[in-house]
Amino acid sequence: MIDGAGSSETGTQMTHVSSAGSVSTGRFTPGSNTCVLTEDLDGLAEPGHHDLGWLAQRGHVPLGYKGDAKKTAATFPVVGGERFVLPGDRAQRLDDGSIHLLGRDSVTINSGGEKIFVEEVEMAISSHPAVADVLVAGRPSDTWGEAVVAIVQLLPDHAATADELIEHAAKSVARYKLPKSVIFTEAIQRSPVGKADYRWARAQAASLGTG
């Protein structure tokens, strides 16, 4: 199975291949113009630079967004005299030059002073044999700032409790990233092409109230 990453602004940026008996994700082989910029956008993150940075694309870069100078400046920064495009994903450049894709910054949950990437939590939960689909979102919390909530669709004729799913996820992610609540739903809302509807997911999470 080939997993590709890219956006409308960048085109295809990188790929990952999984085969029978060796299934993983999140670590990609970049294309020749795919790179990672440092957190403060002062240069390229070289291989072995493990600090969190921004996935970027160089080379044939669009001119910008028509009539939106502010969004253009944020998405197409000039670094070291060269224009880049930032699709909004956080990433790390690993020792071998591959890229660890962490997730879209706009759906990151800030809980207890820690950044939690929803894709990582979703993967941990989705590996449970009873789970058909899952989205993760944050809800307001007086204690944590935001609390992690998992919205889960189970497979037909399968059962799992919230505690079972949380303990299963604890096998692969740190405990501070685990959901504080689980909402079970008949169907996860996605676009016709399968894109996650995080606005819907946040609304589901917010229905639990603040606590």
N, C-alpha and C. Protein backbone atom coordinates (compact mmCIF):
# COMPACT_ATOMS: atom_id res chain seq x y z
N MET A 1 0.85 -1.18 0.00
CA MET A 1 0.00 0.00 0.00
C MET A 1 0.89 1.24 0.00
N ILE A 2 0.60 2.15 -0.92
CA ILE A 2 1.37 3.39 -1.02
C ILE A 2 0.55 4.52 -0.41
N ASP A 3 1.14 5.21 0.54
CA ASP A 3 0.51 6.34 1.22
C ASP A 3 1.19 7.60 0.71
N GLY A 4 0.44 8.48 0.05
CA GLY A 4 1.01 9.70 -0.49
C GLY A 4 0.58 10.91 0.32
N ALA A 5 1.43 11.92 0.38
CA ALA A 5 1.13 13.16 1.10
C ALA A 5 1.34 14.35 0.18
N GLY A 6 0.43 15.30 0.26
CA GLY A 6 0.53 16.49 -0.56
C GLY A 6 -0.68 17.37 -0.34
N SER A 7 -0.74 18.47 -1.06
CA SER A 7 -1.86 19.40 -0.95
C SER A 7 -2.08 20.09 -2.28
N SER A 8 -3.16 20.86 -2.37
CA SER A 8 -3.44 21.59 -3.61
C SER A 8 -2.31 22.56 -3.95
N GLU A 9 -1.71 23.18 -2.93
CA GLU A 9 -0.67 24.17 -3.16
C GLU A 9 0.68 23.55 -3.52
N THR A 10 0.91 22.30 -3.08
CA THR A 10 2.24 21.70 -3.26
C THR A 10 2.29 20.59 -4.30
N GLY A 11 1.16 19.97 -4.58
CA GLY A 11 1.20 18.73 -5.35
C GLY A 11 1.71 17.60 -4.46
N THR A 12 2.05 16.47 -5.04
CA THR A 12 2.57 15.34 -4.27
C THR A 12 3.93 15.69 -3.68
N GLN A 13 4.09 15.47 -2.37
CA GLN A 13 5.33 15.82 -1.70
C GLN A 13 6.18 14.62 -1.30
N MET A 14 5.53 13.53 -0.87
CA MET A 14 6.30 12.41 -0.34
C MET A 14 5.41 11.16 -0.28
N THR A 15 6.06 10.02 -0.14
CA THR A 15 5.34 8.75 -0.16
C THR A 15 5.85 7.83 0.94
N HIS A 16 5.01 6.87 1.28
CA HIS A 16 5.36 5.83 2.24
C HIS A 16 4.78 4.52 1.73
N VAL A 17 5.55 3.45 1.82
CA VAL A 17 5.11 2.14 1.33
C VAL A 17 5.02 1.17 2.50
N SER A 18 3.85 0.53 2.63
CA SER A 18 3.65 -0.55 3.60
C SER A 18 3.42 -1.85 2.85
N SER A 19 3.94 -2.94 3.39
CA SER A 19 3.75 -4.24 2.77
C SER A 19 3.25 -5.22 3.82
N ALA A 20 2.84 -6.39 3.39
CA ALA A 20 2.30 -7.40 4.29
C ALA A 20 3.33 -7.71 5.38
N GLY A 21 2.89 -7.64 6.63
CA GLY A 21 3.77 -7.92 7.75
C GLY A 21 4.61 -6.73 8.18
N SER A 22 4.51 -5.62 7.46
CA SER A 22 5.29 -4.44 7.80
C SER A 22 4.46 -3.20 7.51
N VAL A 23 3.49 -2.94 8.39
CA VAL A 23 2.56 -1.83 8.21
C VAL A 23 2.88 -0.74 9.22
N SER A 24 3.14 0.44 8.73
CA SER A 24 3.40 1.59 9.59
C SER A 24 3.02 2.83 8.80
N THR A 25 3.07 3.97 9.45
CA THR A 25 2.78 5.21 8.75
C THR A 25 3.41 6.37 9.51
N GLY A 26 3.38 7.52 8.89
CA GLY A 26 3.93 8.71 9.54
C GLY A 26 5.35 9.05 9.12
N ARG A 27 6.07 8.07 8.56
CA ARG A 27 7.45 8.30 8.14
C ARG A 27 7.52 8.19 6.62
N PHE A 28 7.89 9.28 5.96
CA PHE A 28 7.78 9.38 4.51
C PHE A 28 9.13 9.63 3.84
N THR A 29 9.23 9.16 2.60
CA THR A 29 10.37 9.47 1.75
C THR A 29 10.03 10.72 0.94
N PRO A 30 10.76 11.83 1.14
CA PRO A 30 10.37 13.09 0.48
C PRO A 30 10.79 13.14 -0.97
N GLY A 31 10.05 13.94 -1.76
CA GLY A 31 10.46 14.25 -3.11
C GLY A 31 11.62 15.23 -3.11
N SER A 32 12.17 15.49 -4.27
CA SER A 32 13.40 16.30 -4.35
C SER A 32 13.19 17.73 -3.87
N ASN A 33 11.98 18.26 -3.95
CA ASN A 33 11.73 19.64 -3.52
C ASN A 33 10.99 19.73 -2.19
N THR A 34 10.81 18.59 -1.53
CA THR A 34 10.13 18.58 -0.23
C THR A 34 11.16 18.74 0.86
N CYS A 35 10.86 19.58 1.83
CA CYS A 35 11.82 19.87 2.90
C CYS A 35 11.07 20.23 4.18
N VAL A 36 11.82 20.49 5.23
CA VAL A 36 11.25 20.93 6.50
C VAL A 36 11.93 22.24 6.89
N LEU A 37 11.14 23.26 7.20
CA LEU A 37 11.67 24.52 7.70
C LEU A 37 11.63 24.51 9.22
N THR A 38 12.55 25.21 9.84
CA THR A 38 12.62 25.25 11.29
C THR A 38 11.39 25.93 11.87
N GLU A 39 11.19 25.73 13.16
CA GLU A 39 10.01 26.25 13.86
C GLU A 39 9.81 27.74 13.63
N ASP A 40 10.89 28.53 13.70
CA ASP A 40 10.78 29.98 13.57
C ASP A 40 11.03 30.47 12.14
N LEU A 41 11.07 29.53 11.18
CA LEU A 41 11.20 29.87 9.76
C LEU A 41 12.47 30.65 9.45
N ASP A 42 13.58 30.26 10.12
CA ASP A 42 14.84 30.96 9.84
C ASP A 42 15.78 30.13 8.98
N GLY A 43 15.34 28.96 8.51
CA GLY A 43 16.20 28.15 7.65
C GLY A 43 15.66 26.74 7.51
N LEU A 44 16.41 25.92 6.77
CA LEU A 44 16.03 24.53 6.56
C LEU A 44 16.43 23.67 7.75
N ALA A 45 15.60 22.71 8.09
CA ALA A 45 15.95 21.71 9.09
C ALA A 45 16.71 20.59 8.38
N GLU A 46 17.96 20.43 8.71
CA GLU A 46 18.78 19.41 8.07
C GLU A 46 18.51 18.05 8.70
N PRO A 47 18.88 16.94 7.99
CA PRO A 47 18.71 15.60 8.58
C PRO A 47 19.35 15.52 9.96
N GLY A 48 18.60 14.94 10.91
CA GLY A 48 19.08 14.85 12.28
C GLY A 48 18.60 15.99 13.15
N HIS A 49 17.93 16.98 12.53
CA HIS A 49 17.37 18.10 13.29
C HIS A 49 15.99 17.66 13.78
N HIS A 50 15.92 17.15 15.00
CA HIS A 50 14.70 16.50 15.48
C HIS A 50 13.67 17.46 16.05
N ASP A 51 14.01 18.75 16.15
CA ASP A 51 13.03 19.70 16.65
C ASP A 51 11.85 19.80 15.70
N LEU A 52 10.70 20.14 16.25
CA LEU A 52 9.49 20.26 15.46
C LEU A 52 9.61 21.42 14.49
N GLY A 53 9.30 21.15 13.21
CA GLY A 53 9.36 22.18 12.18
C GLY A 53 8.11 22.17 11.33
N TRP A 54 8.23 22.79 10.13
CA TRP A 54 7.09 22.91 9.22
C TRP A 54 7.40 22.18 7.91
N LEU A 55 6.50 21.30 7.50
CA LEU A 55 6.63 20.68 6.19
C LEU A 55 6.54 21.76 5.13
N ALA A 56 7.44 21.72 4.14
CA ALA A 56 7.49 22.78 3.14
C ALA A 56 7.80 22.21 1.76
N GLN A 57 7.57 23.04 0.76
CA GLN A 57 7.87 22.70 -0.63
C GLN A 57 8.57 23.89 -1.27
N ARG A 58 9.59 23.59 -2.07
CA ARG A 58 10.31 24.64 -2.79
C ARG A 58 10.21 24.35 -4.28
N GLY A 59 10.82 25.18 -5.10
CA GLY A 59 10.80 24.93 -6.55
C GLY A 59 9.66 25.67 -7.21
N HIS A 60 8.79 24.93 -7.92
CA HIS A 60 7.64 25.55 -8.60
C HIS A 60 6.54 25.82 -7.57
N VAL A 61 6.54 27.03 -7.04
CA VAL A 61 5.63 27.41 -5.97
C VAL A 61 4.58 28.38 -6.52
N PRO A 62 3.29 28.19 -6.21
CA PRO A 62 2.26 29.13 -6.68
C PRO A 62 2.56 30.56 -6.25
N LEU A 63 1.96 31.51 -6.96
CA LEU A 63 2.19 32.92 -6.66
C LEU A 63 1.46 33.35 -5.39
N GLY A 64 0.36 32.70 -5.07
CA GLY A 64 -0.38 33.06 -3.87
C GLY A 64 -1.86 32.88 -4.05
N TYR A 65 -2.63 33.43 -3.11
CA TYR A 65 -4.08 33.38 -3.14
C TYR A 65 -4.62 34.71 -3.66
N LYS A 66 -5.46 34.65 -4.66
CA LYS A 66 -5.98 35.87 -5.27
C LYS A 66 -6.80 36.66 -4.25
N GLY A 67 -6.43 37.93 -4.07
CA GLY A 67 -7.17 38.82 -3.21
C GLY A 67 -6.98 38.59 -1.72
N ASP A 68 -5.99 37.78 -1.33
CA ASP A 68 -5.78 37.51 0.10
C ASP A 68 -4.28 37.60 0.41
N ALA A 69 -3.82 38.83 0.58
CA ALA A 69 -2.39 39.07 0.81
C ALA A 69 -1.93 38.48 2.13
N LYS A 70 -2.79 38.53 3.16
CA LYS A 70 -2.41 38.02 4.48
C LYS A 70 -2.19 36.51 4.44
N LYS A 71 -3.10 35.77 3.84
CA LYS A 71 -2.96 34.32 3.75
C LYS A 71 -1.79 33.95 2.85
N THR A 72 -1.57 34.73 1.79
CA THR A 72 -0.44 34.48 0.89
C THR A 72 0.88 34.61 1.64
N ALA A 73 1.02 35.66 2.45
CA ALA A 73 2.26 35.87 3.20
C ALA A 73 2.52 34.74 4.18
N ALA A 74 1.46 34.21 4.80
CA ALA A 74 1.63 33.16 5.79
C ALA A 74 1.93 31.80 5.14
N THR A 75 1.37 31.56 3.98
CA THR A 75 1.50 30.24 3.34
C THR A 75 2.72 30.17 2.43
N PHE A 76 3.15 31.30 1.88
CA PHE A 76 4.27 31.32 0.93
C PHE A 76 5.39 32.22 1.45
N PRO A 77 6.05 31.83 2.54
CA PRO A 77 7.10 32.69 3.11
C PRO A 77 8.38 32.66 2.27
N VAL A 78 9.15 33.72 2.38
CA VAL A 78 10.47 33.78 1.76
C VAL A 78 11.50 33.56 2.85
N VAL A 79 12.30 32.52 2.70
CA VAL A 79 13.31 32.15 3.69
C VAL A 79 14.66 32.08 2.99
N GLY A 80 15.62 32.87 3.44
CA GLY A 80 16.93 32.89 2.81
C GLY A 80 16.87 33.29 1.34
N GLY A 81 15.92 34.15 1.00
CA GLY A 81 15.79 34.62 -0.38
C GLY A 81 15.04 33.68 -1.30
N GLU A 82 14.52 32.59 -0.77
CA GLU A 82 13.81 31.60 -1.59
C GLU A 82 12.37 31.45 -1.10
N ARG A 83 11.42 31.38 -2.06
CA ARG A 83 10.02 31.21 -1.69
C ARG A 83 9.70 29.75 -1.44
N PHE A 84 8.91 29.51 -0.40
CA PHE A 84 8.45 28.18 -0.05
C PHE A 84 6.93 28.21 0.08
N VAL A 85 6.33 27.04 0.10
CA VAL A 85 4.92 26.93 0.42
C VAL A 85 4.78 26.02 1.62
N LEU A 86 3.97 26.46 2.59
CA LEU A 86 3.73 25.70 3.82
C LEU A 86 2.27 25.24 3.84
N PRO A 87 2.02 23.93 3.66
CA PRO A 87 0.63 23.45 3.70
C PRO A 87 0.03 23.46 5.10
N GLY A 88 0.84 23.68 6.15
CA GLY A 88 0.31 23.77 7.51
C GLY A 88 0.57 22.56 8.37
N ASP A 89 1.40 21.62 7.89
CA ASP A 89 1.69 20.40 8.63
C ASP A 89 2.98 20.53 9.42
N ARG A 90 2.98 19.95 10.63
CA ARG A 90 4.19 19.92 11.44
C ARG A 90 4.96 18.63 11.14
N ALA A 91 6.29 18.72 11.16
CA ALA A 91 7.11 17.57 10.75
C ALA A 91 8.49 17.66 11.37
N GLN A 92 9.20 16.54 11.33
CA GLN A 92 10.60 16.46 11.77
C GLN A 92 11.43 15.84 10.66
N ARG A 93 12.69 16.29 10.52
CA ARG A 93 13.62 15.71 9.54
C ARG A 93 14.49 14.70 10.28
N LEU A 94 14.37 13.44 9.94
CA LEU A 94 15.07 12.38 10.65
C LEU A 94 16.50 12.21 10.15
N ASP A 95 17.27 11.40 10.87
CA ASP A 95 18.69 11.26 10.58
C ASP A 95 18.97 10.81 9.15
N ASP A 96 18.13 9.92 8.62
CA ASP A 96 18.35 9.38 7.28
C ASP A 96 17.77 10.26 6.17
N GLY A 97 17.25 11.43 6.54
CA GLY A 97 16.69 12.33 5.55
C GLY A 97 15.19 12.16 5.34
N SER A 98 14.61 11.09 5.88
CA SER A 98 13.17 10.91 5.76
C SER A 98 12.45 11.92 6.64
N ILE A 99 11.15 12.02 6.46
CA ILE A 99 10.36 13.01 7.18
C ILE A 99 9.30 12.32 8.01
N HIS A 100 9.26 12.69 9.29
CA HIS A 100 8.21 12.21 10.20
C HIS A 100 7.10 13.24 10.19
N LEU A 101 5.97 12.87 9.60
CA LEU A 101 4.82 13.77 9.50
C LEU A 101 3.98 13.63 10.76
N LEU A 102 3.79 14.74 11.48
CA LEU A 102 3.07 14.71 12.75
C LEU A 102 1.61 15.11 12.61
N GLY A 103 1.29 16.04 11.74
CA GLY A 103 -0.11 16.38 11.56
C GLY A 103 -0.33 17.86 11.32
N ARG A 104 -1.56 18.17 10.96
CA ARG A 104 -1.94 19.54 10.64
C ARG A 104 -2.00 20.40 11.90
N ASP A 105 -1.31 21.51 11.87
CA ASP A 105 -1.23 22.38 13.04
C ASP A 105 -2.59 22.92 13.45
N SER A 106 -3.49 23.12 12.47
CA SER A 106 -4.78 23.73 12.76
C SER A 106 -5.69 22.83 13.59
N VAL A 107 -5.42 21.51 13.64
CA VAL A 107 -6.26 20.61 14.43
C VAL A 107 -5.49 20.07 15.64
N THR A 108 -4.32 20.64 15.93
CA THR A 108 -3.56 20.24 17.09
C THR A 108 -4.31 20.62 18.38
N ILE A 109 -4.29 19.73 19.36
CA ILE A 109 -4.93 19.98 20.65
C ILE A 109 -3.86 20.43 21.65
N ASN A 110 -4.11 21.54 22.33
CA ASN A 110 -3.21 22.02 23.38
C ASN A 110 -3.81 21.66 24.73
N SER A 111 -3.23 20.65 25.37
CA SER A 111 -3.79 20.13 26.61
C SER A 111 -2.72 20.11 27.70
N GLY A 112 -2.96 20.84 28.76
CA GLY A 112 -2.00 20.87 29.87
C GLY A 112 -0.63 21.38 29.46
N GLY A 113 -0.58 22.28 28.48
CA GLY A 113 0.69 22.83 28.03
C GLY A 113 1.41 21.96 27.01
N GLU A 114 0.81 20.86 26.59
CA GLU A 114 1.43 19.96 25.62
C GLU A 114 0.65 19.99 24.31
N LYS A 115 1.39 19.90 23.18
CA LYS A 115 0.75 19.79 21.88
C LYS A 115 0.47 18.33 21.59
N ILE A 116 -0.76 18.03 21.21
CA ILE A 116 -1.16 16.67 20.89
C ILE A 116 -1.67 16.65 19.45
N PHE A 117 -1.03 15.83 18.62
CA PHE A 117 -1.43 15.72 17.22
C PHE A 117 -2.50 14.64 17.09
N VAL A 118 -3.66 15.05 16.58
CA VAL A 118 -4.82 14.16 16.60
C VAL A 118 -4.60 12.90 15.78
N GLU A 119 -3.83 13.00 14.68
CA GLU A 119 -3.61 11.82 13.85
C GLU A 119 -2.93 10.69 14.61
N GLU A 120 -2.01 11.05 15.50
CA GLU A 120 -1.31 10.03 16.29
C GLU A 120 -2.27 9.29 17.21
N VAL A 121 -3.18 10.03 17.84
CA VAL A 121 -4.15 9.40 18.74
C VAL A 121 -5.16 8.59 17.93
N GLU A 122 -5.57 9.11 16.79
CA GLU A 122 -6.50 8.37 15.93
C GLU A 122 -5.92 7.03 15.49
N MET A 123 -4.65 7.01 15.15
CA MET A 123 -4.03 5.77 14.72
C MET A 123 -3.97 4.77 15.87
N ALA A 124 -3.69 5.25 17.07
CA ALA A 124 -3.61 4.35 18.22
C ALA A 124 -4.95 3.70 18.51
N ILE A 125 -6.04 4.46 18.35
CA ILE A 125 -7.37 3.92 18.61
C ILE A 125 -7.85 3.04 17.46
N SER A 126 -7.57 3.47 16.22
CA SER A 126 -8.09 2.74 15.06
C SER A 126 -7.49 1.34 14.93
N SER A 127 -6.38 1.08 15.60
CA SER A 127 -5.78 -0.26 15.53
C SER A 127 -6.54 -1.28 16.38
N HIS A 128 -7.50 -0.83 17.18
CA HIS A 128 -8.32 -1.77 17.96
C HIS A 128 -9.22 -2.54 16.99
N PRO A 129 -9.35 -3.84 17.15
CA PRO A 129 -10.09 -4.66 16.17
C PRO A 129 -11.58 -4.35 16.08
N ALA A 130 -12.14 -3.63 17.04
CA ALA A 130 -13.57 -3.31 17.00
C ALA A 130 -13.86 -1.96 16.34
N VAL A 131 -12.82 -1.20 16.01
CA VAL A 131 -13.01 0.17 15.53
C VAL A 131 -13.06 0.21 14.00
N ALA A 132 -14.13 0.82 13.48
CA ALA A 132 -14.25 1.02 12.03
C ALA A 132 -13.64 2.35 11.60
N ASP A 133 -13.84 3.40 12.40
CA ASP A 133 -13.33 4.73 12.06
C ASP A 133 -13.28 5.56 13.33
N VAL A 134 -12.44 6.58 13.32
CA VAL A 134 -12.30 7.44 14.50
C VAL A 134 -11.77 8.80 14.10
N LEU A 135 -12.27 9.83 14.75
CA LEU A 135 -11.70 11.17 14.68
C LEU A 135 -11.46 11.65 16.10
N VAL A 136 -10.46 12.48 16.27
CA VAL A 136 -10.12 13.01 17.59
C VAL A 136 -10.16 14.53 17.53
N ALA A 137 -10.75 15.13 18.55
CA ALA A 137 -10.85 16.59 18.62
C ALA A 137 -10.73 17.02 20.07
N GLY A 138 -10.56 18.31 20.28
CA GLY A 138 -10.47 18.85 21.62
C GLY A 138 -11.76 19.54 22.04
N ARG A 139 -12.04 19.53 23.33
CA ARG A 139 -13.15 20.29 23.88
C ARG A 139 -12.60 21.21 24.97
N PRO A 140 -13.25 22.34 25.22
CA PRO A 140 -12.77 23.25 26.27
C PRO A 140 -12.74 22.56 27.63
N SER A 141 -11.69 22.85 28.39
CA SER A 141 -11.55 22.25 29.71
C SER A 141 -11.00 23.28 30.68
N ASP A 142 -11.67 23.43 31.83
CA ASP A 142 -11.18 24.35 32.86
C ASP A 142 -9.85 23.88 33.44
N THR A 143 -9.62 22.57 33.42
CA THR A 143 -8.42 21.99 34.01
C THR A 143 -7.26 21.95 33.04
N TRP A 144 -7.53 21.52 31.79
CA TRP A 144 -6.46 21.24 30.83
C TRP A 144 -6.33 22.29 29.73
N GLY A 145 -7.25 23.21 29.65
CA GLY A 145 -7.28 24.12 28.50
C GLY A 145 -8.11 23.49 27.41
N GLU A 146 -7.67 22.34 26.93
CA GLU A 146 -8.43 21.49 26.03
C GLU A 146 -8.29 20.05 26.49
N ALA A 147 -9.36 19.29 26.37
CA ALA A 147 -9.33 17.88 26.71
C ALA A 147 -9.53 17.06 25.44
N VAL A 148 -8.81 15.95 25.33
CA VAL A 148 -8.87 15.11 24.14
C VAL A 148 -10.15 14.27 24.17
N VAL A 149 -10.87 14.28 23.05
CA VAL A 149 -12.09 13.49 22.91
C VAL A 149 -11.98 12.65 21.63
N ALA A 150 -12.31 11.37 21.74
CA ALA A 150 -12.33 10.49 20.57
C ALA A 150 -13.77 10.23 20.17
N ILE A 151 -14.08 10.43 18.90
CA ILE A 151 -15.39 10.10 18.35
C ILE A 151 -15.21 8.81 17.54
N VAL A 152 -15.88 7.74 17.94
CA VAL A 152 -15.57 6.40 17.45
C VAL A 152 -16.79 5.75 16.81
N GLN A 153 -16.56 5.16 15.65
CA GLN A 153 -17.54 4.31 14.97
C GLN A 153 -17.06 2.87 15.06
N LEU A 154 -17.85 2.01 15.66
CA LEU A 154 -17.47 0.60 15.79
C LEU A 154 -17.92 -0.20 14.57
N LEU A 155 -17.23 -1.29 14.33
CA LEU A 155 -17.62 -2.21 13.27
C LEU A 155 -18.93 -2.90 13.63
N PRO A 156 -19.74 -3.26 12.63
CA PRO A 156 -20.98 -3.99 12.93
C PRO A 156 -20.68 -5.27 13.70
N ASP A 157 -21.54 -5.55 14.68
CA ASP A 157 -21.43 -6.77 15.48
C ASP A 157 -20.16 -6.83 16.32
N HIS A 158 -19.56 -5.67 16.58
CA HIS A 158 -18.40 -5.58 17.47
C HIS A 158 -18.74 -4.67 18.65
N ALA A 159 -18.06 -4.88 19.73
CA ALA A 159 -18.31 -4.07 20.92
C ALA A 159 -16.99 -3.70 21.58
N ALA A 160 -16.98 -2.54 22.19
CA ALA A 160 -15.82 -2.08 22.97
C ALA A 160 -16.28 -0.95 23.87
N THR A 161 -15.75 -0.89 25.06
CA THR A 161 -16.07 0.20 25.96
C THR A 161 -15.05 1.32 25.80
N ALA A 162 -15.39 2.48 26.34
CA ALA A 162 -14.46 3.61 26.30
C ALA A 162 -13.16 3.26 27.00
N ASP A 163 -13.25 2.62 28.16
CA ASP A 163 -12.04 2.27 28.91
C ASP A 163 -11.17 1.29 28.11
N GLU A 164 -11.79 0.35 27.41
CA GLU A 164 -11.02 -0.61 26.60
C GLU A 164 -10.26 0.11 25.50
N LEU A 165 -10.89 1.05 24.84
CA LEU A 165 -10.24 1.78 23.74
C LEU A 165 -9.10 2.65 24.27
N ILE A 166 -9.31 3.29 25.41
CA ILE A 166 -8.27 4.14 25.98
C ILE A 166 -7.06 3.30 26.40
N GLU A 167 -7.30 2.17 27.03
CA GLU A 167 -6.20 1.30 27.44
C GLU A 167 -5.46 0.73 26.24
N HIS A 168 -6.20 0.44 25.19
CA HIS A 168 -5.56 -0.04 23.96
C HIS A 168 -4.65 1.04 23.38
N ALA A 169 -5.14 2.27 23.33
CA ALA A 169 -4.34 3.38 22.80
C ALA A 169 -3.10 3.62 23.65
N ALA A 170 -3.19 3.34 24.95
CA ALA A 170 -2.06 3.57 25.86
C ALA A 170 -0.87 2.69 25.53
N LYS A 171 -1.07 1.67 24.72
CA LYS A 171 0.04 0.80 24.33
C LYS A 171 0.99 1.49 23.34
N SER A 172 0.50 2.55 22.68
CA SER A 172 1.32 3.15 21.63
C SER A 172 1.48 4.67 21.74
N VAL A 173 0.75 5.33 22.63
CA VAL A 173 0.96 6.76 22.82
C VAL A 173 1.09 7.07 24.31
N ALA A 174 1.73 8.18 24.61
CA ALA A 174 1.92 8.59 26.00
C ALA A 174 0.56 8.84 26.66
N ARG A 175 0.49 8.63 27.96
CA ARG A 175 -0.79 8.72 28.65
C ARG A 175 -1.39 10.12 28.61
N TYR A 176 -0.55 11.16 28.54
CA TYR A 176 -1.12 12.50 28.51
C TYR A 176 -1.85 12.78 27.19
N LYS A 177 -1.62 11.94 26.18
CA LYS A 177 -2.29 12.11 24.89
C LYS A 177 -3.61 11.35 24.81
N LEU A 178 -3.91 10.52 25.79
CA LEU A 178 -5.09 9.67 25.73
C LEU A 178 -6.38 10.48 25.87
N PRO A 179 -7.45 10.01 25.23
CA PRO A 179 -8.73 10.71 25.36
C PRO A 179 -9.22 10.76 26.80
N LYS A 180 -9.78 11.90 27.17
CA LYS A 180 -10.44 12.01 28.46
C LYS A 180 -11.88 11.49 28.36
N SER A 181 -12.41 11.47 27.11
CA SER A 181 -13.78 11.00 26.87
C SER A 181 -13.82 10.32 25.50
N VAL A 182 -14.79 9.41 25.36
CA VAL A 182 -15.04 8.73 24.09
C VAL A 182 -16.53 8.87 23.76
N ILE A 183 -16.83 9.31 22.55
CA ILE A 183 -18.20 9.40 22.06
C ILE A 183 -18.38 8.32 20.99
N PHE A 184 -19.38 7.49 21.13
CA PHE A 184 -19.67 6.47 20.12
C PHE A 184 -20.75 7.00 19.18
N THR A 185 -20.53 6.83 17.88
CA THR A 185 -21.45 7.33 16.87
C THR A 185 -21.70 6.26 15.82
N GLU A 186 -22.84 6.35 15.14
CA GLU A 186 -23.16 5.36 14.11
C GLU A 186 -22.29 5.55 12.88
N ALA A 187 -21.87 6.78 12.61
CA ALA A 187 -21.05 7.04 11.42
C ALA A 187 -20.19 8.27 11.65
N ILE A 188 -18.92 8.18 11.24
CA ILE A 188 -18.02 9.32 11.27
C ILE A 188 -18.28 10.16 10.03
N GLN A 189 -18.38 11.47 10.20
CA GLN A 189 -18.66 12.35 9.07
C GLN A 189 -17.37 12.71 8.35
N ARG A 190 -17.34 12.38 7.06
CA ARG A 190 -16.21 12.71 6.19
C ARG A 190 -16.74 13.26 4.87
N SER A 191 -15.84 13.88 4.11
CA SER A 191 -16.22 14.37 2.78
C SER A 191 -16.37 13.19 1.83
N PRO A 192 -16.94 13.40 0.63
CA PRO A 192 -17.10 12.30 -0.33
C PRO A 192 -15.78 11.60 -0.70
N VAL A 193 -14.65 12.30 -0.55
CA VAL A 193 -13.35 11.68 -0.86
C VAL A 193 -12.66 11.14 0.38
N GLY A 194 -13.37 11.17 1.53
CA GLY A 194 -12.82 10.58 2.75
C GLY A 194 -12.08 11.54 3.66
N LYS A 195 -12.07 12.82 3.33
CA LYS A 195 -11.35 13.79 4.15
C LYS A 195 -12.07 14.00 5.47
N ALA A 196 -11.33 14.01 6.55
CA ALA A 196 -11.91 14.16 7.89
C ALA A 196 -12.60 15.51 8.04
N ASP A 197 -13.79 15.51 8.63
CA ASP A 197 -14.53 16.73 8.91
C ASP A 197 -14.29 17.10 10.37
N TYR A 198 -13.22 17.85 10.61
CA TYR A 198 -12.86 18.18 11.99
C TYR A 198 -13.78 19.24 12.60
N ARG A 199 -14.43 20.03 11.78
CA ARG A 199 -15.42 20.97 12.32
C ARG A 199 -16.57 20.17 12.96
N TRP A 200 -17.01 19.13 12.28
CA TRP A 200 -18.05 18.25 12.84
C TRP A 200 -17.54 17.57 14.10
N ALA A 201 -16.29 17.08 14.06
CA ALA A 201 -15.73 16.39 15.22
C ALA A 201 -15.64 17.32 16.43
N ARG A 202 -15.22 18.57 16.22
CA ARG A 202 -15.13 19.51 17.33
C ARG A 202 -16.52 19.81 17.90
N ALA A 203 -17.53 19.85 17.03
CA ALA A 203 -18.89 20.08 17.52
C ALA A 203 -19.37 18.92 18.38
N GLN A 204 -19.02 17.69 17.96
CA GLN A 204 -19.37 16.51 18.77
C GLN A 204 -18.69 16.59 20.13
N ALA A 205 -17.40 16.92 20.12
CA ALA A 205 -16.64 17.01 21.37
C ALA A 205 -17.20 18.10 22.28
N ALA A 206 -17.57 19.24 21.69
CA ALA A 206 -18.08 20.37 22.47
C ALA A 206 -19.41 20.04 23.13
N SER A 207 -20.14 19.07 22.57
CA SER A 207 -21.45 18.71 23.13
C SER A 207 -21.32 18.14 24.54
N LEU A 208 -20.11 17.72 24.92
CA LEU A 208 -19.89 17.21 26.28
C LEU A 208 -19.80 18.32 27.30
N GLY A 209 -19.67 19.56 26.82
CA GLY A 209 -19.55 20.69 27.74
C GLY A 209 -18.12 20.89 28.20
N THR A 210 -17.95 21.79 29.14
CA THR A 210 -16.62 22.13 29.67
C THR A 210 -16.42 21.44 31.01
N GLY A 211 -15.22 20.89 31.20
CA GLY A 211 -14.95 20.23 32.48
C GLY A 211 -13.53 19.77 32.58
